[in-house]
Amino acid sequence: MSGFLIFFSKDRKVEMWIFFYGLTAGAFIEIIGTKISGYQNFENPDILGIPYWLLVAWGYGFVLMKRIGLILKNNSPW
């Protein structure tokens, strides 16, 4: 769903890069949280102790922050 929303947006090339950056940053942060510090634990982890949906949520969260920033700055999401 998030890939669909990003792919059909006006600024899709930039948003895809932001999505993958958020995915990577989220994976790094969650790996630190689960494997290194141990402050969280997931019941059915998929990859390195992290569910897939959480990584996608991180990526789309970064895109959402970009869109909210543009709305606040320009009063328009594009």
Protein backbone atom coordinates (compact mmCIF):
# COMPACT_ATOMS: atom_id res chain seq x y z
CA MET A 1 0.00 0.00 0.00
CA SER A 2 2.73 2.47 0.91
CA GLY A 3 4.65 1.63 -2.26
CA PHE A 4 1.49 2.31 -4.23
CA LEU A 5 1.01 5.70 -2.55
CA ILE A 6 4.62 6.69 -3.14
CA PHE A 7 4.74 5.39 -6.72
CA PHE A 8 1.75 7.46 -7.82
CA SER A 9 2.80 10.67 -6.09
CA LYS A 10 4.09 13.69 -7.98
CA ASP A 11 7.59 13.56 -6.49
CA ARG A 12 8.05 9.79 -6.55
CA LYS A 13 11.79 9.59 -7.24
CA VAL A 14 12.71 11.70 -4.22
CA GLU A 15 10.11 9.99 -2.05
CA MET A 16 11.41 6.54 -2.98
CA TRP A 17 14.89 7.58 -1.83
CA ILE A 18 13.44 8.99 1.38
CA PHE A 19 11.46 5.76 1.87
CA PHE A 20 14.56 3.58 1.50
CA TYR A 21 16.56 5.89 3.76
CA GLY A 22 13.83 5.62 6.41
CA LEU A 23 13.72 1.85 5.94
CA THR A 24 17.48 1.62 6.47
CA ALA A 25 17.54 4.03 9.40
CA GLY A 26 14.60 2.24 11.02
CA ALA A 27 16.28 -1.14 10.61
CA PHE A 28 19.46 0.21 12.19
CA ILE A 29 17.56 1.73 15.14
CA GLU A 30 15.41 -1.36 15.69
CA ILE A 31 18.42 -3.70 15.51
CA ILE A 32 20.08 -1.61 18.21
CA GLY A 33 16.89 -1.80 20.27
CA THR A 34 16.37 -5.53 19.93
CA LYS A 35 19.81 -7.10 19.60
CA ILE A 36 22.28 -4.75 21.26
CA SER A 37 20.44 -3.05 24.13
CA GLY A 38 17.61 -5.56 24.47
CA TYR A 39 15.05 -2.96 25.53
CA GLN A 40 12.36 -4.48 23.33
CA ASN A 41 11.36 -7.89 22.10
CA PHE A 42 8.83 -8.95 19.44
CA GLU A 43 6.71 -12.09 19.69
CA ASN A 44 7.08 -13.29 16.05
CA PRO A 45 10.07 -11.49 14.50
CA ASP A 46 10.72 -11.84 10.77
CA ILE A 47 14.24 -10.57 10.16
CA LEU A 48 16.95 -9.97 12.79
CA GLY A 49 14.31 -9.83 15.51
CA ILE A 50 12.18 -7.21 13.74
CA PRO A 51 8.80 -7.61 11.98
CA TYR A 52 8.68 -6.59 8.30
CA TRP A 53 5.77 -4.22 8.84
CA LEU A 54 7.80 -2.16 11.29
CA LEU A 55 10.50 -1.43 8.72
CA VAL A 56 7.87 -0.36 6.18
CA ALA A 57 6.29 1.87 8.81
CA TRP A 58 9.66 3.55 9.41
CA GLY A 59 10.12 4.17 5.68
CA TYR A 60 6.67 5.59 5.16
CA GLY A 61 7.03 7.64 8.35
CA PHE A 62 10.00 9.44 6.79
CA VAL A 63 7.95 10.16 3.65
CA LEU A 64 5.10 11.41 5.81
CA MET A 65 7.46 13.78 7.65
CA LYS A 66 8.60 15.20 4.30
CA ARG A 67 5.01 15.72 3.16
CA ILE A 68 3.96 17.37 6.44
CA GLY A 69 7.00 19.65 6.22
CA LEU A 70 5.99 20.75 2.71
CA ILE A 71 2.40 21.32 3.79
CA LEU A 72 3.53 23.52 6.66
CA LYS A 73 6.01 25.41 4.51
CA ASN A 74 4.03 25.87 1.27
CA ASN A 75 0.49 25.10 2.35
CA SER A 76 0.57 22.36 -0.31
CA PRO A 77 1.91 18.78 -0.29
CA TRP A 78 3.60 19.21 -3.69
